[in-house]
């Protein structure tokens, strides 16, 4: 079990599974209500669940000094998350989950590009080919026909 706890691939796969469940459950949940209200309800649930997790695991304590730079970037990340969720729920409200979710995952492509441009990260040629194939897949899923 220790292998899984320290294995990023394990956690990334779980993330993908939960993200897939999120799309289907959100599509069902947004039916008949305003998508922004649906996003608000989801956000409350996420905040409450994380709070409970921190309490149960004993991590809900004063973290000590947090660098101002970290706070600024975490606030910006939170705003980006909120904007992403609002847009995602709006898209689910008017589109099919099987089309919305893959287009949303275009974020994978954008992270690779932004990571290279802004963070100096490097992908191999094989990695960039994979990113290109993801892009192609998104286009094929998004095009009606």
C-alpha atoms as a PDB file:
ATOM      1  CA  UNK A   1       0.000   0.000   0.000  1.00  0.00           C
ATOM      2  CA  UNK A   2       2.963   2.300   0.618  1.00  0.00           C
ATOM      3  CA  UNK A   3       3.778   2.100  -3.089  1.00  0.00           C
ATOM      4  CA  UNK A   4       0.393   3.599  -3.974  1.00  0.00           C
ATOM      5  CA  UNK A   5       0.609   6.384  -1.391  1.00  0.00           C
ATOM      6  CA  UNK A   6       3.822   7.752  -2.922  1.00  0.00           C
ATOM      7  CA  UNK A   7       3.007   6.985  -6.561  1.00  0.00           C
ATOM      8  CA  UNK A   8       1.875  10.009  -8.579  1.00  0.00           C
ATOM      9  CA  UNK A   9       0.438   7.818 -11.337  1.00  0.00           C
ATOM     10  CA  UNK A  10      -1.898   6.147  -8.837  1.00  0.00           C
ATOM     11  CA  UNK A  11      -3.219   9.510  -7.606  1.00  0.00           C
ATOM     12  CA  UNK A  12      -3.492  10.886 -11.151  1.00  0.00           C
ATOM     13  CA  UNK A  13      -5.527   7.844 -12.206  1.00  0.00           C
ATOM     14  CA  UNK A  14      -7.821   8.285  -9.199  1.00  0.00           C
ATOM     15  CA  UNK A  15      -8.148  11.947 -10.151  1.00  0.00           C
ATOM     16  CA  UNK A  16      -9.219  10.950 -13.664  1.00  0.00           C
ATOM     17  CA  UNK A  17     -11.757   8.454 -12.309  1.00  0.00           C
ATOM     18  CA  UNK A  18     -13.243  11.035  -9.944  1.00  0.00           C
ATOM     19  CA  UNK A  19     -13.225  13.669 -12.712  1.00  0.00           C
ATOM     20  CA  UNK A  20     -15.172  11.288 -14.948  1.00  0.00           C
ATOM     21  CA  UNK A  21     -17.662  10.660 -12.157  1.00  0.00           C
ATOM     22  CA  UNK A  22     -17.858  14.421 -11.622  1.00  0.00           C
ATOM     23  CA  UNK A  23     -18.889  15.007 -15.227  1.00  0.00           C
ATOM     24  CA  UNK A  24     -21.666  12.431 -15.176  1.00  0.00           C
ATOM     25  CA  UNK A  25     -22.959  13.361 -11.714  1.00  0.00           C
ATOM     26  CA  UNK A  26     -22.778  17.082 -12.522  1.00  0.00           C
ATOM     27  CA  UNK A  27     -24.685  16.583 -15.785  1.00  0.00           C
ATOM     28  CA  UNK A  28     -27.427  14.836 -13.825  1.00  0.00           C
ATOM     29  CA  UNK A  29     -27.308  17.441 -11.040  1.00  0.00           C
ATOM     30  CA  UNK A  30     -27.411  20.534 -13.238  1.00  0.00           C
ATOM     31  CA  UNK A  31     -30.627  19.411 -14.940  1.00  0.00           C
ATOM     32  CA  UNK A  32     -33.413  21.790 -14.078  1.00  0.00           C
ATOM     33  CA  UNK A  33     -31.412  24.307 -12.026  1.00  0.00           C
ATOM     34  CA  UNK A  34     -29.240  27.304 -12.803  1.00  0.00           C
ATOM     35  CA  UNK A  35     -25.694  26.177 -13.600  1.00  0.00           C
ATOM     36  CA  UNK A  36     -24.168  28.890 -11.399  1.00  0.00           C
ATOM     37  CA  UNK A  37     -26.275  27.722  -8.433  1.00  0.00           C
ATOM     38  CA  UNK A  38     -25.185  24.155  -9.162  1.00  0.00           C
ATOM     39  CA  UNK A  39     -21.551  25.302  -9.088  1.00  0.00           C
ATOM     40  CA  UNK A  40     -22.147  27.068  -5.762  1.00  0.00           C
ATOM     41  CA  UNK A  41     -23.658  23.923  -4.216  1.00  0.00           C
ATOM     42  CA  UNK A  42     -20.748  21.832  -5.494  1.00  0.00           C
ATOM     43  CA  UNK A  43     -18.264  24.340  -4.071  1.00  0.00           C
ATOM     44  CA  UNK A  44     -19.879  24.200  -0.625  1.00  0.00           C
ATOM     45  CA  UNK A  45     -19.701  20.401  -0.688  1.00  0.00           C
ATOM     46  CA  UNK A  46     -16.036  20.459  -1.732  1.00  0.00           C
ATOM     47  CA  UNK A  47     -15.137  22.963   1.016  1.00  0.00           C
ATOM     48  CA  UNK A  48     -17.037  20.989   3.662  1.00  0.00           C
ATOM     49  CA  UNK A  49     -15.502  17.675   2.576  1.00  0.00           C
ATOM     50  CA  UNK A  50     -11.981  19.110   2.641  1.00  0.00           C
ATOM     51  CA  UNK A  51     -12.616  20.667   6.040  1.00  0.00           C
ATOM     52  CA  UNK A  52     -13.793  17.301   7.392  1.00  0.00           C
ATOM     53  CA  UNK A  53     -10.747  15.565   5.880  1.00  0.00           C
ATOM     54  CA  UNK A  54      -8.418  18.050   7.562  1.00  0.00           C
ATOM     55  CA  UNK A  55     -10.173  17.607  10.904  1.00  0.00           C
ATOM     56  CA  UNK A  56     -10.229  13.789  10.716  1.00  0.00           C
ATOM     57  CA  UNK A  57      -6.557  13.573   9.741  1.00  0.00           C
ATOM     58  CA  UNK A  58      -5.480  16.137  12.322  1.00  0.00           C
ATOM     59  CA  UNK A  59      -4.144  18.522   9.712  1.00  0.00           C
ATOM     60  CA  UNK A  60      -6.531  21.354  10.585  1.00  0.00           C
ATOM     61  CA  UNK A  61      -3.990  23.396  12.498  1.00  0.00           C
ATOM     62  CA  UNK A  62      -2.155  26.651  12.124  1.00  0.00           C
ATOM     63  CA  UNK A  63       0.261  26.009   9.255  1.00  0.00           C
ATOM     64  CA  UNK A  64       2.787  28.548  10.424  1.00  0.00           C
ATOM     65  CA  UNK A  65       3.864  31.439   8.297  1.00  0.00           C
ATOM     66  CA  UNK A  66       2.769  31.159   4.688  1.00  0.00           C
ATOM     67  CA  UNK A  67       4.853  33.158   2.218  1.00  0.00           C
ATOM     68  CA  UNK A  68       2.991  36.064   0.603  1.00  0.00           C
ATOM     69  CA  UNK A  69       3.910  34.724  -2.872  1.00  0.00           C
ATOM     70  CA  UNK A  70       2.275  31.376  -2.039  1.00  0.00           C
ATOM     71  CA  UNK A  71      -0.886  33.125  -0.827  1.00  0.00           C
ATOM     72  CA  UNK A  72      -1.113  35.237  -3.987  1.00  0.00           C
ATOM     73  CA  UNK A  73      -0.723  32.219  -6.272  1.00  0.00           C
ATOM     74  CA  UNK A  74      -3.157  30.104  -4.236  1.00  0.00           C
ATOM     75  CA  UNK A  75      -5.753  32.892  -4.413  1.00  0.00           C
ATOM     76  CA  UNK A  76      -5.240  33.198  -8.165  1.00  0.00           C
ATOM     77  CA  UNK A  77      -5.471  29.415  -8.511  1.00  0.00           C
ATOM     78  CA  UNK A  78      -8.710  29.434  -6.515  1.00  0.00           C
ATOM     79  CA  UNK A  79     -10.167  32.135  -8.760  1.00  0.00           C
ATOM     80  CA  UNK A  80      -9.139  30.147 -11.844  1.00  0.00           C
ATOM     81  CA  UNK A  81     -10.730  27.020 -10.352  1.00  0.00           C
ATOM     82  CA  UNK A  82     -13.968  28.880  -9.695  1.00  0.00           C
ATOM     83  CA  UNK A  83     -14.031  30.299 -13.211  1.00  0.00           C
ATOM     84  CA  UNK A  84     -13.309  26.844 -14.644  1.00  0.00           C
ATOM     85  CA  UNK A  85     -16.133  25.276 -12.629  1.00  0.00           C
ATOM     86  CA  UNK A  86     -18.613  27.981 -13.646  1.00  0.00           C
ATOM     87  CA  UNK A  87     -17.751  27.501 -17.302  1.00  0.00           C
ATOM     88  CA  UNK A  88     -17.764  23.699 -16.980  1.00  0.00           C
ATOM     89  CA  UNK A  89     -21.225  23.611 -15.410  1.00  0.00           C
ATOM     90  CA  UNK A  90     -22.572  26.050 -18.007  1.00  0.00           C
ATOM     91  CA  UNK A  91     -21.170  23.826 -20.759  1.00  0.00           C
ATOM     92  CA  UNK A  92     -22.678  20.704 -19.134  1.00  0.00           C
ATOM     93  CA  UNK A  93     -26.032  22.454 -18.866  1.00  0.00           C
ATOM     94  CA  UNK A  94     -26.200  23.042 -22.610  1.00  0.00           C
ATOM     95  CA  UNK A  95     -23.986  20.290 -24.026  1.00  0.00           C
ATOM     96  CA  UNK A  96     -23.461  16.553 -23.793  1.00  0.00           C
ATOM     97  CA  UNK A  97     -21.188  15.299 -21.020  1.00  0.00           C
ATOM     98  CA  UNK A  98     -19.386  13.046 -23.529  1.00  0.00           C
ATOM     99  CA  UNK A  99     -18.410  16.142 -25.526  1.00  0.00           C
ATOM    100  CA  UNK A 100     -17.947  18.689 -22.731  1.00  0.00           C
ATOM    101  CA  UNK A 101     -15.557  16.590 -20.614  1.00  0.00           C
ATOM    102  CA  UNK A 102     -13.034  15.878 -23.409  1.00  0.00           C
ATOM    103  CA  UNK A 103     -12.961  19.557 -24.429  1.00  0.00           C
ATOM    104  CA  UNK A 104     -12.449  20.462 -20.761  1.00  0.00           C
ATOM    105  CA  UNK A 105      -9.476  18.106 -20.776  1.00  0.00           C
ATOM    106  CA  UNK A 106      -7.881  20.321 -23.391  1.00  0.00           C
ATOM    107  CA  UNK A 107      -6.454  21.763 -20.190  1.00  0.00           C
ATOM    108  CA  UNK A 108      -3.923  18.914 -20.401  1.00  0.00           C
ATOM    109  CA  UNK A 109      -2.608  20.395 -23.635  1.00  0.00           C
ATOM    110  CA  UNK A 110      -2.605  23.919 -22.219  1.00  0.00           C
ATOM    111  CA  UNK A 111      -0.769  22.809 -19.070  1.00  0.00           C
ATOM    112  CA  UNK A 112       1.959  21.237 -21.222  1.00  0.00           C
ATOM    113  CA  UNK A 113       2.302  24.430 -23.269  1.00  0.00           C
ATOM    114  CA  UNK A 114       2.154  26.777 -20.248  1.00  0.00           C
ATOM    115  CA  UNK A 115       4.497  24.498 -18.306  1.00  0.00           C
ATOM    116  CA  UNK A 116       7.052  24.703 -21.095  1.00  0.00           C
ATOM    117  CA  UNK A 117       6.669  28.443 -21.681  1.00  0.00           C
ATOM    118  CA  UNK A 118       6.229  29.706 -18.116  1.00  0.00           C
ATOM    119  CA  UNK A 119       7.872  27.080 -15.906  1.00  0.00           C
ATOM    120  CA  UNK A 120      10.675  25.884 -18.159  1.00  0.00           C
ATOM    121  CA  UNK A 121       9.424  22.294 -18.088  1.00  0.00           C
ATOM    122  CA  UNK A 122      10.470  19.921 -20.848  1.00  0.00           C
ATOM    123  CA  UNK A 123       8.635  17.104 -22.590  1.00  0.00           C
ATOM    124  CA  UNK A 124      10.248  14.541 -24.847  1.00  0.00           C
ATOM    125  CA  UNK A 125       9.298  14.279 -28.501  1.00  0.00           C
ATOM    126  CA  UNK A 126       7.081  11.346 -27.523  1.00  0.00           C
ATOM    127  CA  UNK A 127       5.424  13.576 -24.904  1.00  0.00           C
ATOM    128  CA  UNK A 128       4.689  16.311 -27.445  1.00  0.00           C
ATOM    129  CA  UNK A 129       3.311  13.718 -29.878  1.00  0.00           C
ATOM    130  CA  UNK A 130       0.983  12.578 -27.081  1.00  0.00           C
ATOM    131  CA  UNK A 131      -0.092  16.183 -26.488  1.00  0.00           C
ATOM    132  CA  UNK A 132      -0.767  16.578 -30.231  1.00  0.00           C
ATOM    133  CA  UNK A 133      -2.858  13.382 -30.213  1.00  0.00           C
ATOM    134  CA  UNK A 134      -4.869  14.640 -27.230  1.00  0.00           C
ATOM    135  CA  UNK A 135      -5.517  17.859 -29.170  1.00  0.00           C
ATOM    136  CA  UNK A 136      -6.635  15.877 -32.196  1.00  0.00           C
ATOM    137  CA  UNK A 137      -8.892  13.736 -30.039  1.00  0.00           C
ATOM    138  CA  UNK A 138     -10.529  16.832 -28.533  1.00  0.00           C
ATOM    139  CA  UNK A 139     -11.177  18.260 -31.995  1.00  0.00           C
ATOM    140  CA  UNK A 140     -12.662  14.971 -33.222  1.00  0.00           C
ATOM    141  CA  UNK A 141     -14.974  14.712 -30.197  1.00  0.00           C
ATOM    142  CA  UNK A 142     -16.015  18.373 -30.329  1.00  0.00           C
ATOM    143  CA  UNK A 143     -16.912  18.424 -34.030  1.00  0.00           C
ATOM    144  CA  UNK A 144     -20.509  17.468 -34.662  1.00  0.00           C
ATOM    145  CA  UNK A 145     -21.029  14.800 -37.200  1.00  0.00           C
END
